[in-house]
Amino acid sequence: MNAFIEVGSALRAVEHSAETLEAQRRALSAARESLAVAEFRFRQGAVSYLDVLVARQQRQRALIDWIGARAARIQSVERLVDSGPAHHRIRGPYPMEELLSAGMLATLHQVRARRRSAAASVYVRARTTGPRFHSRSWPRRGFVENESP
């Protein structure tokens, strides 16, 4: 029962993140147009350079907000993939082809492979950097039974 609730909340999060991403895309487009108008009016002598700087600042803020919305979208898709059963691909109103074309994580296998890779690199780093497992001290002579000195 909890699995259904988890998948349902993940689906709602994906829907919400898609709406937020689209709103941020529209805001970024409007900020770019506003900057273009401000630069044109500055070249014509109708506004001061301060207006151009304000328009640039607004465009930068809109770009930062869009990047944040895109990151939230990727995280919500990852949560959706994690919440599904391990042997199924998620189907339904969220086609994986759309998510793949948008650069999103698409399958549980990709999510798990990324996590395994990160965990493996941490494990290898811990094993190779410690003084006990340093390459010059491991293996030690005489450590294994029946090894001649």
C-alpha atoms as a PDB file:
ATOM      1  CA  MET A   1       0.000   0.000   0.000  1.00  0.00           C
ATOM      2  CA  ASN A   2       2.817   2.393   0.842  1.00  0.00           C
ATOM      3  CA  ALA A   3       4.404   1.673  -2.542  1.00  0.00           C
ATOM      4  CA  PHE A   4       1.272   2.948  -4.320  1.00  0.00           C
ATOM      5  CA  ILE A   5       1.267   6.092  -2.216  1.00  0.00           C
ATOM      6  CA  GLU A   6       4.946   6.639  -2.930  1.00  0.00           C
ATOM      7  CA  VAL A   7       4.474   6.200  -6.694  1.00  0.00           C
ATOM      8  CA  GLY A   8       1.439   8.499  -6.628  1.00  0.00           C
ATOM      9  CA  SER A   9       3.282  11.258  -4.829  1.00  0.00           C
ATOM     10  CA  ALA A  10       6.246  10.830  -7.197  1.00  0.00           C
ATOM     11  CA  LEU A  11       3.897  11.173 -10.189  1.00  0.00           C
ATOM     12  CA  ARG A  12       2.426  14.354  -8.733  1.00  0.00           C
ATOM     13  CA  ALA A  13       5.949  15.693  -8.171  1.00  0.00           C
ATOM     14  CA  VAL A  14       6.835  14.970 -11.809  1.00  0.00           C
ATOM     15  CA  GLU A  15       3.679  16.767 -12.984  1.00  0.00           C
ATOM     16  CA  HIS A  16       4.397  19.739 -10.763  1.00  0.00           C
ATOM     17  CA  SER A  17       8.032  19.910 -11.847  1.00  0.00           C
ATOM     18  CA  ALA A  18       6.977  19.851 -15.507  1.00  0.00           C
ATOM     19  CA  GLU A  19       4.607  22.764 -14.919  1.00  0.00           C
ATOM     20  CA  THR A  20       7.267  24.678 -13.006  1.00  0.00           C
ATOM     21  CA  LEU A  21       9.859  24.050 -15.704  1.00  0.00           C
ATOM     22  CA  GLU A  22       7.511  25.316 -18.399  1.00  0.00           C
ATOM     23  CA  ALA A  23       6.696  28.436 -16.377  1.00  0.00           C
ATOM     24  CA  GLN A  24      10.410  29.121 -15.864  1.00  0.00           C
ATOM     25  CA  ARG A  25      11.045  28.596 -19.576  1.00  0.00           C
ATOM     26  CA  ARG A  26       8.405  31.199 -20.406  1.00  0.00           C
ATOM     27  CA  ALA A  27       9.873  33.596 -17.832  1.00  0.00           C
ATOM     28  CA  LEU A  28      13.342  33.131 -19.320  1.00  0.00           C
ATOM     29  CA  SER A  29      12.024  33.779 -22.808  1.00  0.00           C
ATOM     30  CA  ALA A  30      10.286  36.952 -21.621  1.00  0.00           C
ATOM     31  CA  ALA A  31      13.447  38.134 -19.857  1.00  0.00           C
ATOM     32  CA  ARG A  32      15.495  37.573 -23.024  1.00  0.00           C
ATOM     33  CA  GLU A  33      13.005  39.565 -25.077  1.00  0.00           C
ATOM     34  CA  SER A  34      13.020  42.316 -22.472  1.00  0.00           C
ATOM     35  CA  LEU A  35      16.803  42.487 -22.642  1.00  0.00           C
ATOM     36  CA  ALA A  36      16.718  42.677 -26.432  1.00  0.00           C
ATOM     37  CA  VAL A  37      14.222  45.552 -26.267  1.00  0.00           C
ATOM     38  CA  ALA A  38      16.279  47.373 -23.615  1.00  0.00           C
ATOM     39  CA  GLU A  39      19.466  47.029 -25.692  1.00  0.00           C
ATOM     40  CA  PHE A  40      17.662  48.260 -28.817  1.00  0.00           C
ATOM     41  CA  ARG A  41      16.190  51.234 -26.978  1.00  0.00           C
ATOM     42  CA  PHE A  42      19.617  52.022 -25.499  1.00  0.00           C
ATOM     43  CA  ARG A  43      21.181  52.056 -28.980  1.00  0.00           C
ATOM     44  CA  GLN A  44      18.422  54.422 -30.053  1.00  0.00           C
ATOM     45  CA  GLY A  45      19.131  56.663 -27.067  1.00  0.00           C
ATOM     46  CA  ALA A  46      15.698  56.215 -25.472  1.00  0.00           C
ATOM     47  CA  VAL A  47      16.857  54.667 -22.181  1.00  0.00           C
ATOM     48  CA  SER A  48      19.949  54.778 -19.994  1.00  0.00           C
ATOM     49  CA  TYR A  49      22.499  52.002 -19.637  1.00  0.00           C
ATOM     50  CA  LEU A  50      21.121  51.311 -16.170  1.00  0.00           C
ATOM     51  CA  ASP A  51      17.936  49.962 -17.786  1.00  0.00           C
ATOM     52  CA  VAL A  52      20.053  47.565 -19.856  1.00  0.00           C
ATOM     53  CA  LEU A  53      21.873  46.384 -16.728  1.00  0.00           C
ATOM     54  CA  VAL A  54      18.583  45.816 -14.910  1.00  0.00           C
ATOM     55  CA  ALA A  55      17.285  43.795 -17.879  1.00  0.00           C
ATOM     56  CA  ARG A  56      20.490  41.714 -17.885  1.00  0.00           C
ATOM     57  CA  GLN A  57      20.143  41.070 -14.181  1.00  0.00           C
ATOM     58  CA  GLN A  58      16.538  39.934 -14.678  1.00  0.00           C
ATOM     59  CA  ARG A  59      17.608  37.607 -17.491  1.00  0.00           C
ATOM     60  CA  GLN A  60      20.346  36.121 -15.305  1.00  0.00           C
ATOM     61  CA  ARG A  61      17.878  35.583 -12.453  1.00  0.00           C
ATOM     62  CA  ALA A  62      15.423  33.917 -14.857  1.00  0.00           C
ATOM     63  CA  LEU A  63      18.211  31.678 -16.172  1.00  0.00           C
ATOM     64  CA  ILE A  64      19.200  30.642 -12.642  1.00  0.00           C
ATOM     65  CA  ASP A  65      15.563  29.904 -11.800  1.00  0.00           C
ATOM     66  CA  TRP A  66      15.181  27.822 -14.998  1.00  0.00           C
ATOM     67  CA  ILE A  67      18.303  25.809 -14.138  1.00  0.00           C
ATOM     68  CA  GLY A  68      16.918  25.181 -10.653  1.00  0.00           C
ATOM     69  CA  ALA A  69      13.592  24.052 -12.109  1.00  0.00           C
ATOM     70  CA  ARG A  70      15.386  21.699 -14.495  1.00  0.00           C
ATOM     71  CA  ALA A  71      17.371  20.207 -11.609  1.00  0.00           C
ATOM     72  CA  ALA A  72      14.146  19.732  -9.632  1.00  0.00           C
ATOM     73  CA  ARG A  73      12.607  18.025 -12.657  1.00  0.00           C
ATOM     74  CA  ILE A  74      15.511  15.590 -12.911  1.00  0.00           C
ATOM     75  CA  GLN A  75      15.288  14.823  -9.189  1.00  0.00           C
ATOM     76  CA  SER A  76      11.535  14.229  -9.352  1.00  0.00           C
ATOM     77  CA  VAL A  77      11.957  11.851 -12.303  1.00  0.00           C
ATOM     78  CA  GLU A  78      14.695  10.019 -10.397  1.00  0.00           C
ATOM     79  CA  ARG A  79      12.369   9.669  -7.382  1.00  0.00           C
ATOM     80  CA  LEU A  80       9.647   8.345  -9.680  1.00  0.00           C
ATOM     81  CA  VAL A  81      12.009   5.764 -11.134  1.00  0.00           C
ATOM     82  CA  ASP A  82      13.180   4.757  -7.665  1.00  0.00           C
ATOM     83  CA  SER A  83       9.631   4.376  -6.388  1.00  0.00           C
ATOM     84  CA  GLY A  84       8.647   1.871  -9.082  1.00  0.00           C
ATOM     85  CA  PRO A  85       9.228  -1.858  -8.889  1.00  0.00           C
ATOM     86  CA  ALA A  86      12.768  -2.907  -9.725  1.00  0.00           C
ATOM     87  CA  HIS A  87      11.781  -5.127 -12.642  1.00  0.00           C
ATOM     88  CA  HIS A  88       9.403  -2.695 -14.386  1.00  0.00           C
ATOM     89  CA  ARG A  89       9.925   0.339 -16.515  1.00  0.00           C
ATOM     90  CA  ILE A  90       7.514   3.117 -15.705  1.00  0.00           C
ATOM     91  CA  ARG A  91       4.780   3.411 -18.313  1.00  0.00           C
ATOM     92  CA  GLY A  92       1.762   5.590 -18.681  1.00  0.00           C
ATOM     93  CA  PRO A  93       1.448   9.329 -19.157  1.00  0.00           C
ATOM     94  CA  TYR A  94       5.223   9.817 -18.732  1.00  0.00           C
ATOM     95  CA  PRO A  95       6.851   8.129 -21.746  1.00  0.00           C
ATOM     96  CA  MET A  96      10.507   7.331 -21.257  1.00  0.00           C
ATOM     97  CA  GLU A  97      11.307   8.521 -24.794  1.00  0.00           C
ATOM     98  CA  GLU A  98      10.264  12.050 -23.808  1.00  0.00           C
ATOM     99  CA  LEU A  99      12.366  11.898 -20.665  1.00  0.00           C
ATOM    100  CA  LEU A 100      15.337  10.545 -22.599  1.00  0.00           C
ATOM    101  CA  SER A 101      15.075  13.286 -25.207  1.00  0.00           C
ATOM    102  CA  ALA A 102      14.924  15.872 -22.425  1.00  0.00           C
ATOM    103  CA  GLY A 103      18.138  14.480 -20.941  1.00  0.00           C
ATOM    104  CA  MET A 104      16.384  13.040 -17.902  1.00  0.00           C
ATOM    105  CA  LEU A 105      17.160   9.783 -16.153  1.00  0.00           C
ATOM    106  CA  ALA A 106      14.978   7.167 -17.738  1.00  0.00           C
ATOM    107  CA  THR A 107      15.384   3.774 -16.181  1.00  0.00           C
ATOM    108  CA  LEU A 108      15.949   2.345 -12.794  1.00  0.00           C
ATOM    109  CA  HIS A 109      19.030   0.640 -14.183  1.00  0.00           C
ATOM    110  CA  GLN A 110      20.640   3.993 -14.969  1.00  0.00           C
ATOM    111  CA  VAL A 111      19.886   5.328 -11.499  1.00  0.00           C
ATOM    112  CA  ARG A 112      21.243   2.237  -9.799  1.00  0.00           C
ATOM    113  CA  ALA A 113      24.307   2.085 -12.051  1.00  0.00           C
ATOM    114  CA  ARG A 114      25.164   5.662 -11.170  1.00  0.00           C
ATOM    115  CA  ARG A 115      24.798   4.915  -7.471  1.00  0.00           C
ATOM    116  CA  ARG A 116      26.858   1.711  -7.726  1.00  0.00           C
ATOM    117  CA  SER A 117      29.585   3.584  -9.553  1.00  0.00           C
ATOM    118  CA  ALA A 118      29.701   6.268  -6.862  1.00  0.00           C
ATOM    119  CA  ALA A 119      29.693   3.683  -4.087  1.00  0.00           C
ATOM    120  CA  ALA A 120      32.425   1.667  -5.808  1.00  0.00           C
ATOM    121  CA  SER A 121      34.662   4.696  -6.197  1.00  0.00           C
ATOM    122  CA  VAL A 122      34.220   5.561  -2.504  1.00  0.00           C
ATOM    123  CA  TYR A 123      35.028   1.969  -1.559  1.00  0.00           C
ATOM    124  CA  VAL A 124      38.131   1.831  -3.763  1.00  0.00           C
ATOM    125  CA  ARG A 125      39.316   5.197  -2.458  1.00  0.00           C
ATOM    126  CA  ALA A 126      38.866   4.036   1.138  1.00  0.00           C
ATOM    127  CA  ARG A 127      40.683   0.768   0.462  1.00  0.00           C
ATOM    128  CA  THR A 128      43.633   2.316  -1.362  1.00  0.00           C
ATOM    129  CA  THR A 129      44.271   5.460   0.661  1.00  0.00           C
ATOM    130  CA  GLY A 130      44.328   4.020   4.134  1.00  0.00           C
ATOM    131  CA  PRO A 131      47.766   3.284   5.642  1.00  0.00           C
ATOM    132  CA  ARG A 132      46.866  -0.367   6.160  1.00  0.00           C
ATOM    133  CA  PHE A 133      46.138  -0.934   2.469  1.00  0.00           C
ATOM    134  CA  HIS A 134      48.771   1.300   0.948  1.00  0.00           C
ATOM    135  CA  SER A 135      50.339  -0.246  -2.148  1.00  0.00           C
ATOM    136  CA  ARG A 136      53.831  -0.326  -0.578  1.00  0.00           C
ATOM    137  CA  SER A 137      52.680  -2.134   2.541  1.00  0.00           C
ATOM    138  CA  TRP A 138      50.139  -4.543   1.125  1.00  0.00           C
ATOM    139  CA  PRO A 139      50.511  -7.475   0.921  1.00  0.00           C
ATOM    140  CA  ARG A 140      53.150  -7.868   3.580  1.00  0.00           C
ATOM    141  CA  ARG A 141      55.731 -10.593   3.442  1.00  0.00           C
ATOM    142  CA  GLY A 142      54.986 -13.370   5.839  1.00  0.00           C
ATOM    143  CA  PHE A 143      51.336 -12.309   6.113  1.00  0.00           C
ATOM    144  CA  VAL A 144      49.962 -15.389   4.380  1.00  0.00           C
ATOM    145  CA  GLU A 145      50.608 -18.755   6.002  1.00  0.00           C
ATOM    146  CA  ASN A 146      53.109 -20.998   4.265  1.00  0.00           C
ATOM    147  CA  GLU A 147      54.760 -18.063   2.536  1.00  0.00           C
ATOM    148  CA  SER A 148      58.499 -18.214   2.633  1.00  0.00           C
ATOM    149  CA  PRO A 149      60.287 -15.091   3.920  1.00  0.00           C
END
